[in-house]
Amino acid sequence: IILNLFLFLIPFFGLLFMIPLGAVQVVCSLWLLSQYKRTSSSI
């Protein structure tokens, strides 16, 4: 996220970096879904 914010100094690079950021976050979200029993109900 911090890297993406710095890349938004040049908007094209910031928008372009949103793609791998989103992919990493979706993978992390799916991993978090696999840890279903270890997380609280709010999470």
All heavy atoms as atom14 arrays in JSON, in Angstrom:
{
  "sequence": "IILNLFLFLIPFFGLLFMIPLGAVQVVCSLWLLSQYKRTSSSI",
  "atom14_mask": [
    [1, 1, 1, 1, 1, 1, 1, 1, 0, 0, 0, 0, 0, 0],
    [1, 1, 1, 1, 1, 1, 1, 1, 0, 0, 0, 0, 0, 0],
    [1, 1, 1, 1, 1, 1, 1, 1, 0, 0, 0, 0, 0, 0],
    [1, 1, 1, 1, 1, 1, 1, 1, 0, 0, 0, 0, 0, 0],
    [1, 1, 1, 1, 1, 1, 1, 1, 0, 0, 0, 0, 0, 0],
    [1, 1, 1, 1, 1, 1, 1, 1, 1, 1, 1, 0, 0, 0],
    [1, 1, 1, 1, 1, 1, 1, 1, 0, 0, 0, 0, 0, 0],
    [1, 1, 1, 1, 1, 1, 1, 1, 1, 1, 1, 0, 0, 0],
    [1, 1, 1, 1, 1, 1, 1, 1, 0, 0, 0, 0, 0, 0],
    [1, 1, 1, 1, 1, 1, 1, 1, 0, 0, 0, 0, 0, 0],
    [1, 1, 1, 1, 1, 1, 1, 0, 0, 0, 0, 0, 0, 0],
    [1, 1, 1, 1, 1, 1, 1, 1, 1, 1, 1, 0, 0, 0],
    [1, 1, 1, 1, 1, 1, 1, 1, 1, 1, 1, 0, 0, 0],
    [1, 1, 1, 1, 0, 0, 0, 0, 0, 0, 0, 0, 0, 0],
    [1, 1, 1, 1, 1, 1, 1, 1, 0, 0, 0, 0, 0, 0],
    [1, 1, 1, 1, 1, 1, 1, 1, 0, 0, 0, 0, 0, 0],
    [1, 1, 1, 1, 1, 1, 1, 1, 1, 1, 1, 0, 0, 0],
    [1, 1, 1, 1, 1, 1, 1, 1, 0, 0, 0, 0, 0, 0],
    [1, 1, 1, 1, 1, 1, 1, 1, 0, 0, 0, 0, 0, 0],
    [1, 1, 1, 1, 1, 1, 1, 0, 0, 0, 0, 0, 0, 0],
    [1, 1, 1, 1, 1, 1, 1, 1, 0, 0, 0, 0, 0, 0],
    [1, 1, 1, 1, 0, 0, 0, 0, 0, 0, 0, 0, 0, 0],
    [1, 1, 1, 1, 1, 0, 0, 0, 0, 0, 0, 0, 0, 0],
    [1, 1, 1, 1, 1, 1, 1, 0, 0, 0, 0, 0, 0, 0],
    [1, 1, 1, 1, 1, 1, 1, 1, 1, 0, 0, 0, 0, 0],
    [1, 1, 1, 1, 1, 1, 1, 0, 0, 0, 0, 0, 0, 0],
    [1, 1, 1, 1, 1, 1, 1, 0, 0, 0, 0, 0, 0, 0],
    [1, 1, 1, 1, 1, 1, 0, 0, 0, 0, 0, 0, 0, 0],
    [1, 1, 1, 1, 1, 1, 0, 0, 0, 0, 0, 0, 0, 0],
    [1, 1, 1, 1, 1, 1, 1, 1, 0, 0, 0, 0, 0, 0],
    [1, 1, 1, 1, 1, 1, 1, 1, 1, 1, 1, 1, 1, 1],
    [1, 1, 1, 1, 1, 1, 1, 1, 0, 0, 0, 0, 0, 0],
    [1, 1, 1, 1, 1, 1, 1, 1, 0, 0, 0, 0, 0, 0],
    [1, 1, 1, 1, 1, 1, 0, 0, 0, 0, 0, 0, 0, 0],
    [1, 1, 1, 1, 1, 1, 1, 1, 1, 0, 0, 0, 0, 0],
    [1, 1, 1, 1, 1, 1, 1, 1, 1, 1, 1, 1, 0, 0],
    [1, 1, 1, 1, 1, 1, 1, 1, 1, 0, 0, 0, 0, 0],
    [1, 1, 1, 1, 1, 1, 1, 1, 1, 1, 1, 0, 0, 0],
    [1, 1, 1, 1, 1, 1, 1, 0, 0, 0, 0, 0, 0, 0],
    [1, 1, 1, 1, 1, 1, 0, 0, 0, 0, 0, 0, 0, 0],
    [1, 1, 1, 1, 1, 1, 0, 0, 0, 0, 0, 0, 0, 0],
    [1, 1, 1, 1, 1, 1, 0, 0, 0, 0, 0, 0, 0, 0],
    [1, 1, 1, 1, 1, 1, 1, 1, 0, 0, 0, 0, 0, 0]
  ],
  "atom14_positions": [
    [[0.84, -1.2, 0.0], [0.0, 0.0, 0.0], [0.87, 1.25, 0.0], [0.62, 2.2, -0.74], [-0.97, 0.0, 1.21], [-1.98, -1.12, 1.08], [-1.61, 1.34, 1.41], [-3.32, -0.77, 0.57], [0.0, 0.0, 0.0], [0.0, 0.0, 0.0], [0.0, 0.0, 0.0], [0.0, 0.0, 0.0], [0.0, 0.0, 0.0], [0.0, 0.0, 0.0]],
    [[1.92, 1.27, 0.83], [2.81, 2.43, 0.86], [3.52, 2.6, -0.47], [3.62, 3.72, -1.0], [3.82, 2.3, 2.03], [3.08, 2.45, 3.36], [4.94, 3.32, 1.92], [3.91, 2.12, 4.58], [0.0, 0.0, 0.0], [0.0, 0.0, 0.0], [0.0, 0.0, 0.0], [0.0, 0.0, 0.0], [0.0, 0.0, 0.0], [0.0, 0.0, 0.0]],
    [[3.98, 1.5, -1.07], [4.61, 1.56, -2.38], [3.64, 2.09, -3.43], [4.0, 2.93, -4.27], [5.12, 0.18, -2.78], [5.85, 0.06, -4.1], [7.08, 0.94, -4.14], [6.23, -1.39, -4.36], [0.0, 0.0, 0.0], [0.0, 0.0, 0.0], [0.0, 0.0, 0.0], [0.0, 0.0, 0.0], [0.0, 0.0, 0.0], [0.0, 0.0, 0.0]],
    [[2.39, 1.65, -3.36], [1.37, 2.12, -4.31], [1.12, 3.61, -4.14], [0.96, 4.34, -5.12], [0.08, 1.33, -4.13], [-0.83, 1.44, -5.33], [-0.42, 1.86, -6.4], [-2.06, 1.07, -5.15], [0.0, 0.0, 0.0], [0.0, 0.0, 0.0], [0.0, 0.0, 0.0], [0.0, 0.0, 0.0], [0.0, 0.0, 0.0], [0.0, 0.0, 0.0]],
    [[1.09, 4.08, -2.89], [0.89, 5.51, -2.66], [2.03, 6.33, -3.25], [1.8, 7.4, -3.83], [0.72, 5.79, -1.17], [-0.58, 5.3, -0.55], [-0.57, 5.52, 0.96], [-1.77, 6.0, -1.18], [0.0, 0.0, 0.0], [0.0, 0.0, 0.0], [0.0, 0.0, 0.0], [0.0, 0.0, 0.0], [0.0, 0.0, 0.0], [0.0, 0.0, 0.0]],
    [[3.26, 5.85, -3.1], [4.39, 6.55, -3.7], [4.32, 6.53, -5.22], [4.66, 7.51, -5.88], [5.73, 5.96, -3.23], [6.14, 6.45, -1.88], [6.37, 5.54, -0.86], [6.3, 7.8, -1.6], [6.75, 5.97, 0.41], [6.68, 8.25, -0.35], [6.89, 7.32, 0.66], [0.0, 0.0, 0.0], [0.0, 0.0, 0.0], [0.0, 0.0, 0.0]],
    [[3.88, 5.42, -5.78], [3.78, 5.32, -7.23], [2.69, 6.23, -7.79], [2.72, 6.58, -8.97], [3.55, 3.88, -7.66], [4.77, 2.97, -7.56], [4.38, 1.53, -7.83], [5.85, 3.42, -8.5], [0.0, 0.0, 0.0], [0.0, 0.0, 0.0], [0.0, 0.0, 0.0], [0.0, 0.0, 0.0], [0.0, 0.0, 0.0], [0.0, 0.0, 0.0]],
    [[1.73, 6.62, -6.98], [0.69, 7.54, -7.44], [1.21, 8.95, -7.63], [0.46, 9.83, -8.1], [-0.52, 7.53, -6.5], [-1.62, 6.64, -6.98], [-1.91, 5.47, -6.31], [-2.35, 6.95, -8.1], [-2.91, 4.62, -6.75], [-3.35, 6.12, -8.56], [-3.64, 4.96, -7.89], [0.0, 0.0, 0.0], [0.0, 0.0, 0.0], [0.0, 0.0, 0.0]],
    [[2.47, 9.21, -7.31], [3.05, 10.5, -7.68], [3.02, 10.66, -9.2], [2.89, 11.77, -9.72], [4.47, 10.63, -7.14], [4.58, 10.73, -5.62], [6.03, 10.68, -5.18], [3.89, 11.98, -5.1], [0.0, 0.0, 0.0], [0.0, 0.0, 0.0], [0.0, 0.0, 0.0], [0.0, 0.0, 0.0], [0.0, 0.0, 0.0], [0.0, 0.0, 0.0]],
    [[3.16, 9.55, -9.9], [2.92, 9.49, -11.34], [1.68, 8.6, -11.5], [1.78, 7.38, -11.36], [4.13, 8.9, -12.1], [5.37, 9.75, -11.83], [3.84, 8.82, -13.6], [6.65, 9.17, -12.34], [0.0, 0.0, 0.0], [0.0, 0.0, 0.0], [0.0, 0.0, 0.0], [0.0, 0.0, 0.0], [0.0, 0.0, 0.0], [0.0, 0.0, 0.0]],
    [[0.52, 9.21, -11.74], [-0.75, 8.45, -11.68], [-0.78, 7.18, -12.52], [-1.37, 6.19, -12.1], [-1.78, 9.47, -12.18], [-1.19, 10.78, -11.84], [0.29, 10.62, -12.01], [0.0, 0.0, 0.0], [0.0, 0.0, 0.0], [0.0, 0.0, 0.0], [0.0, 0.0, 0.0], [0.0, 0.0, 0.0], [0.0, 0.0, 0.0], [0.0, 0.0, 0.0]],
    [[-0.13, 7.19, -13.68], [-0.14, 5.99, -14.52], [0.48, 4.8, -13.79], [-0.05, 3.7, -13.82], [0.61, 6.27, -15.83], [0.73, 5.07, -16.71], [-0.37, 4.59, -17.41], [1.92, 4.39, -16.83], [-0.28, 3.48, -18.23], [2.03, 3.27, -17.64], [0.93, 2.82, -18.34], [0.0, 0.0, 0.0], [0.0, 0.0, 0.0], [0.0, 0.0, 0.0]],
    [[1.61, 5.03, -13.12], [2.28, 3.95, -12.41], [1.46, 3.47, -11.21], [1.42, 2.29, -10.89], [3.68, 4.37, -11.96], [4.63, 4.58, -13.11], [5.45, 5.69, -13.13], [4.7, 3.69, -14.16], [6.32, 5.9, -14.18], [5.56, 3.88, -15.22], [6.38, 5.0, -15.22], [0.0, 0.0, 0.0], [0.0, 0.0, 0.0], [0.0, 0.0, 0.0]],
    [[0.82, 4.41, -10.53], [-0.03, 4.04, -9.41], [-1.2, 3.18, -9.83], [-1.52, 2.18, -9.19], [0.0, 0.0, 0.0], [0.0, 0.0, 0.0], [0.0, 0.0, 0.0], [0.0, 0.0, 0.0], [0.0, 0.0, 0.0], [0.0, 0.0, 0.0], [0.0, 0.0, 0.0], [0.0, 0.0, 0.0], [0.0, 0.0, 0.0], [0.0, 0.0, 0.0]],
    [[-1.85, 3.57, -10.93], [-2.97, 2.78, -11.44], [-2.5, 1.41, -11.91], [-3.18, 0.4, -11.7], [-3.66, 3.51, -12.58], [-4.52, 4.7, -12.2], [-4.99, 5.44, -13.45], [-5.7, 4.27, -11.36], [0.0, 0.0, 0.0], [0.0, 0.0, 0.0], [0.0, 0.0, 0.0], [0.0, 0.0, 0.0], [0.0, 0.0, 0.0], [0.0, 0.0, 0.0]],
    [[-1.34, 1.37, -12.55], [-0.8, 0.11, -13.03], [-0.45, -0.82, -11.87], [-0.68, -2.04, -11.95], [0.44, 0.38, -13.89], [0.76, -0.59, -14.98], [-0.43, -0.75, -15.91], [1.95, -0.09, -15.78], [0.0, 0.0, 0.0], [0.0, 0.0, 0.0], [0.0, 0.0, 0.0], [0.0, 0.0, 0.0], [0.0, 0.0, 0.0], [0.0, 0.0, 0.0]],
    [[0.07, -0.25, -10.77], [0.46, -1.08, -9.63], [-0.75, -1.57, -8.84], [-0.62, -2.5, -8.04], [1.41, -0.31, -8.71], [2.08, -1.18, -7.68], [3.07, -2.06, -8.05], [1.7, -1.13, -6.35], [3.68, -2.88, -7.12], [2.3, -1.94, -5.41], [3.3, -2.82, -5.8], [0.0, 0.0, 0.0], [0.0, 0.0, 0.0], [0.0, 0.0, 0.0]],
    [[-1.92, -0.98, -9.07], [-3.12, -1.46, -8.39], [-3.47, -2.89, -8.8], [-4.1, -3.62, -8.04], [-4.3, -0.53, -8.66], [-4.26, 0.74, -7.86], [-5.63, 1.84, -8.21], [-6.95, 1.01, -7.35], [0.0, 0.0, 0.0], [0.0, 0.0, 0.0], [0.0, 0.0, 0.0], [0.0, 0.0, 0.0], [0.0, 0.0, 0.0], [0.0, 0.0, 0.0]],
    [[-3.02, -3.3, -9.99], [-3.32, -4.66, -10.47], [-2.6, -5.71, -9.61], [-3.25, -6.6, -9.06], [-2.99, -4.79, -11.97], [-3.89, -3.86, -12.78], [-3.14, -6.24, -12.43], [-3.48, -3.7, -14.22], [0.0, 0.0, 0.0], [0.0, 0.0, 0.0], [0.0, 0.0, 0.0], [0.0, 0.0, 0.0], [0.0, 0.0, 0.0], [0.0, 0.0, 0.0]],
    [[-1.25, -5.64, -9.47], [-0.62, -6.65, -8.6], [-1.01, -6.5, -7.13], [-1.12, -7.5, -6.42], [0.88, -6.43, -8.8], [1.03, -5.14, -9.47], [-0.25, -4.82, -10.15], [0.0, 0.0, 0.0], [0.0, 0.0, 0.0], [0.0, 0.0, 0.0], [0.0, 0.0, 0.0], [0.0, 0.0, 0.0], [0.0, 0.0, 0.0], [0.0, 0.0, 0.0]],
    [[-1.27, -5.28, -6.68], [-1.72, -5.09, -5.3], [-3.05, -5.8, -5.08], [-3.23, -6.52, -4.09], [-1.87, -3.6, -4.99], [-2.52, -3.25, -3.64], [-1.65, -3.72, -2.49], [-2.79, -1.77, -3.55], [0.0, 0.0, 0.0], [0.0, 0.0, 0.0], [0.0, 0.0, 0.0], [0.0, 0.0, 0.0], [0.0, 0.0, 0.0], [0.0, 0.0, 0.0]],
    [[-3.97, -5.64, -6.01], [-5.27, -6.3, -5.9], [-5.13, -7.82, -5.96], [-5.81, -8.54, -5.22], [0.0, 0.0, 0.0], [0.0, 0.0, 0.0], [0.0, 0.0, 0.0], [0.0, 0.0, 0.0], [0.0, 0.0, 0.0], [0.0, 0.0, 0.0], [0.0, 0.0, 0.0], [0.0, 0.0, 0.0], [0.0, 0.0, 0.0], [0.0, 0.0, 0.0]],
    [[-4.24, -8.3, -6.82], [-4.04, -9.75, -6.92], [-3.49, -10.31, -5.61], [-3.96, -11.36, -5.13], [-3.1, -10.06, -8.08], [0.0, 0.0, 0.0], [0.0, 0.0, 0.0], [0.0, 0.0, 0.0], [0.0, 0.0, 0.0], [0.0, 0.0, 0.0], [0.0, 0.0, 0.0], [0.0, 0.0, 0.0], [0.0, 0.0, 0.0], [0.0, 0.0, 0.0]],
    [[-2.52, -9.63, -5.03], [-1.94, -10.09, -3.75], [-3.01, -10.06, -2.66], [-3.11, -10.99, -1.86], [-0.72, -9.22, -3.37], [-0.31, -9.46, -1.93], [0.44, -9.49, -4.3], [0.0, 0.0, 0.0], [0.0, 0.0, 0.0], [0.0, 0.0, 0.0], [0.0, 0.0, 0.0], [0.0, 0.0, 0.0], [0.0, 0.0, 0.0], [0.0, 0.0, 0.0]],
    [[-3.83, -9.02, -2.67], [-4.86, -8.92, -1.63], [-5.94, -10.0, -1.79], [-6.43, -10.52, -0.8], [-5.48, -7.52, -1.62], [-4.53, -6.51, -1.02], [-5.15, -5.15, -0.87], [-6.11, -4.8, -1.54], [-4.59, -4.37, 0.03], [0.0, 0.0, 0.0], [0.0, 0.0, 0.0], [0.0, 0.0, 0.0], [0.0, 0.0, 0.0], [0.0, 0.0, 0.0]],
    [[-6.28, -10.33, -3.02], [-7.27, -11.39, -3.23], [-6.69, -12.74, -2.78], [-7.38, -13.53, -2.13], [-7.74, -11.44, -4.7], [-8.48, -12.72, -5.01], [-8.61, -10.23, -5.01], [0.0, 0.0, 0.0], [0.0, 0.0, 0.0], [0.0, 0.0, 0.0], [0.0, 0.0, 0.0], [0.0, 0.0, 0.0], [0.0, 0.0, 0.0], [0.0, 0.0, 0.0]],
    [[-5.43, -12.99, -3.1], [-4.79, -14.24, -2.66], [-4.74, -14.29, -1.13], [-5.05, -15.32, -0.52], [-3.38, -14.39, -3.28], [-2.59, -15.5, -2.61], [-3.48, -14.64, -4.77], [0.0, 0.0, 0.0], [0.0, 0.0, 0.0], [0.0, 0.0, 0.0], [0.0, 0.0, 0.0], [0.0, 0.0, 0.0], [0.0, 0.0, 0.0], [0.0, 0.0, 0.0]],
    [[-4.37, -13.17, -0.5], [-4.34, -13.12, 0.97], [-5.74, -13.32, 1.55], [-5.9, -13.98, 2.57], [-3.77, -11.79, 1.44], [-2.0, -11.63, 1.23], [0.0, 0.0, 0.0], [0.0, 0.0, 0.0], [0.0, 0.0, 0.0], [0.0, 0.0, 0.0], [0.0, 0.0, 0.0], [0.0, 0.0, 0.0], [0.0, 0.0, 0.0], [0.0, 0.0, 0.0]],
    [[-6.73, -12.75, 0.9], [-8.11, -12.89, 1.37], [-8.57, -14.34, 1.26], [-9.25, -14.85, 2.15], [-9.03, -11.97, 0.56], [-10.3, -11.93, 1.11], [0.0, 0.0, 0.0], [0.0, 0.0, 0.0], [0.0, 0.0, 0.0], [0.0, 0.0, 0.0], [0.0, 0.0, 0.0], [0.0, 0.0, 0.0], [0.0, 0.0, 0.0], [0.0, 0.0, 0.0]],
    [[-8.19, -15.0, 0.18], [-8.54, -16.42, 0.04], [-7.8, -17.27, 1.07], [-8.35, -18.23, 1.61], [-8.24, -16.9, -1.39], [-9.15, -16.33, -2.47], [-8.64, -16.71, -3.85], [-10.58, -16.79, -2.28], [0.0, 0.0, 0.0], [0.0, 0.0, 0.0], [0.0, 0.0, 0.0], [0.0, 0.0, 0.0], [0.0, 0.0, 0.0], [0.0, 0.0, 0.0]],
    [[-6.55, -16.93, 1.35], [-5.8, -17.63, 2.39], [-6.47, -17.42, 3.74], [-6.6, -18.37, 4.53], [-4.35, -17.15, 2.44], [-3.58, -17.77, 3.56], [-3.02, -19.02, 3.58], [-3.35, -17.22, 4.85], [-2.43, -19.26, 4.8], [-2.62, -18.16, 5.6], [-3.66, -16.0, 5.44], [-2.22, -17.93, 6.91], [-3.27, -15.78, 6.75], [-2.55, -16.74, 7.46]],
    [[-6.91, -16.19, 3.99], [-7.6, -15.9, 5.25], [-8.91, -16.68, 5.35], [-9.3, -17.12, 6.43], [-7.87, -14.4, 5.35], [-8.33, -13.84, 6.67], [-7.3, -14.14, 7.76], [-8.54, -12.35, 6.55], [0.0, 0.0, 0.0], [0.0, 0.0, 0.0], [0.0, 0.0, 0.0], [0.0, 0.0, 0.0], [0.0, 0.0, 0.0], [0.0, 0.0, 0.0]],
    [[-9.55, -16.89, 4.21], [-10.76, -17.69, 4.2], [-10.45, -19.14, 4.56], [-11.26, -19.81, 5.21], [-11.41, -17.61, 2.81], [-12.85, -18.04, 2.67], [-13.74, -17.16, 3.52], [-13.28, -17.96, 1.22], [0.0, 0.0, 0.0], [0.0, 0.0, 0.0], [0.0, 0.0, 0.0], [0.0, 0.0, 0.0], [0.0, 0.0, 0.0], [0.0, 0.0, 0.0]],
    [[-9.27, -19.63, 4.18], [-8.89, -21.0, 4.53], [-8.56, -21.13, 6.02], [-8.58, -22.23, 6.56], [-7.69, -21.45, 3.69], [-6.51, -20.82, 4.13], [0.0, 0.0, 0.0], [0.0, 0.0, 0.0], [0.0, 0.0, 0.0], [0.0, 0.0, 0.0], [0.0, 0.0, 0.0], [0.0, 0.0, 0.0], [0.0, 0.0, 0.0], [0.0, 0.0, 0.0]],
    [[-8.28, -20.01, 6.67], [-8.0, -20.0, 8.12], [-9.27, -19.66, 8.9], [-9.23, -19.01, 9.93], [-6.92, -18.94, 8.43], [-5.64, -19.12, 7.69], [-4.93, -20.39, 8.09], [-4.85, -20.72, 9.27], [-4.43, -21.12, 7.11], [0.0, 0.0, 0.0], [0.0, 0.0, 0.0], [0.0, 0.0, 0.0], [0.0, 0.0, 0.0], [0.0, 0.0, 0.0]],
    [[-10.39, -20.12, 8.4], [-11.72, -19.73, 8.89], [-11.89, -19.96, 10.39], [-12.4, -19.1, 11.1], [-12.78, -20.5, 8.1], [-14.16, -19.94, 8.2], [-14.51, -18.78, 7.5], [-15.12, -20.55, 8.98], [-15.78, -18.26, 7.59], [-16.4, -20.03, 9.08], [-16.72, -18.89, 8.38], [-17.97, -18.36, 8.48], [0.0, 0.0, 0.0], [0.0, 0.0, 0.0]],
    [[-11.47, -21.1, 10.88], [-11.69, -21.44, 12.29], [-10.77, -20.67, 13.23], [-11.07, -20.52, 14.41], [-11.52, -22.94, 12.5], [-12.58, -23.73, 11.78], [-12.59, -25.16, 12.23], [-13.5, -25.93, 11.3], [-14.69, -26.37, 11.9], [0.0, 0.0, 0.0], [0.0, 0.0, 0.0], [0.0, 0.0, 0.0], [0.0, 0.0, 0.0], [0.0, 0.0, 0.0]],
    [[-9.67, -20.16, 12.72], [-8.72, -19.42, 13.56], [-9.06, -17.95, 13.69], [-8.43, -17.25, 14.48], [-7.31, -19.55, 12.97], [-6.75, -20.95, 13.09], [-5.36, -21.05, 12.55], [-4.48, -20.07, 13.18], [-3.33, -19.67, 12.66], [-2.93, -20.16, 11.51], [-2.59, -18.78, 13.28], [0.0, 0.0, 0.0], [0.0, 0.0, 0.0], [0.0, 0.0, 0.0]],
    [[-10.02, -17.46, 12.9], [-10.34, -16.04, 12.92], [-11.68, -15.81, 13.63], [-12.52, -16.7, 13.7], [-10.41, -15.46, 11.5], [-11.36, -16.22, 10.74], [-9.07, -15.52, 10.81], [0.0, 0.0, 0.0], [0.0, 0.0, 0.0], [0.0, 0.0, 0.0], [0.0, 0.0, 0.0], [0.0, 0.0, 0.0], [0.0, 0.0, 0.0], [0.0, 0.0, 0.0]],
    [[-11.84, -14.59, 14.12], [-13.09, -14.26, 14.82], [-14.22, -14.07, 13.82], [-13.99, -13.92, 12.61], [-12.9, -12.97, 15.63], [-12.72, -11.87, 14.76], [0.0, 0.0, 0.0], [0.0, 0.0, 0.0], [0.0, 0.0, 0.0], [0.0, 0.0, 0.0], [0.0, 0.0, 0.0], [0.0, 0.0, 0.0], [0.0, 0.0, 0.0], [0.0, 0.0, 0.0]],
    [[-15.43, -14.05, 14.33], [-16.59, -13.92, 13.44], [-16.63, -12.57, 12.74], [-17.08, -12.47, 11.61], [-17.88, -14.15, 14.23], [-18.01, -13.2, 15.25], [0.0, 0.0, 0.0], [0.0, 0.0, 0.0], [0.0, 0.0, 0.0], [0.0, 0.0, 0.0], [0.0, 0.0, 0.0], [0.0, 0.0, 0.0], [0.0, 0.0, 0.0], [0.0, 0.0, 0.0]],
    [[-16.15, -11.51, 13.41], [-16.14, -10.2, 12.75], [-15.17, -10.18, 11.57], [-15.48, -9.62, 10.52], [-15.8, -9.09, 13.75], [-14.49, -9.26, 14.25], [0.0, 0.0, 0.0], [0.0, 0.0, 0.0], [0.0, 0.0, 0.0], [0.0, 0.0, 0.0], [0.0, 0.0, 0.0], [0.0, 0.0, 0.0], [0.0, 0.0, 0.0], [0.0, 0.0, 0.0]],
    [[-14.02, -10.81, 11.73], [-13.06, -10.86, 10.62], [-13.58, -11.75, 9.51], [-13.42, -11.44, 8.33], [-11.67, -11.32, 11.12], [-11.06, -10.21, 11.96], [-10.75, -11.69, 9.96], [-9.73, -10.53, 12.55], [0.0, 0.0, 0.0], [0.0, 0.0, 0.0], [0.0, 0.0, 0.0], [0.0, 0.0, 0.0], [0.0, 0.0, 0.0], [0.0, 0.0, 0.0]]
  ]
}
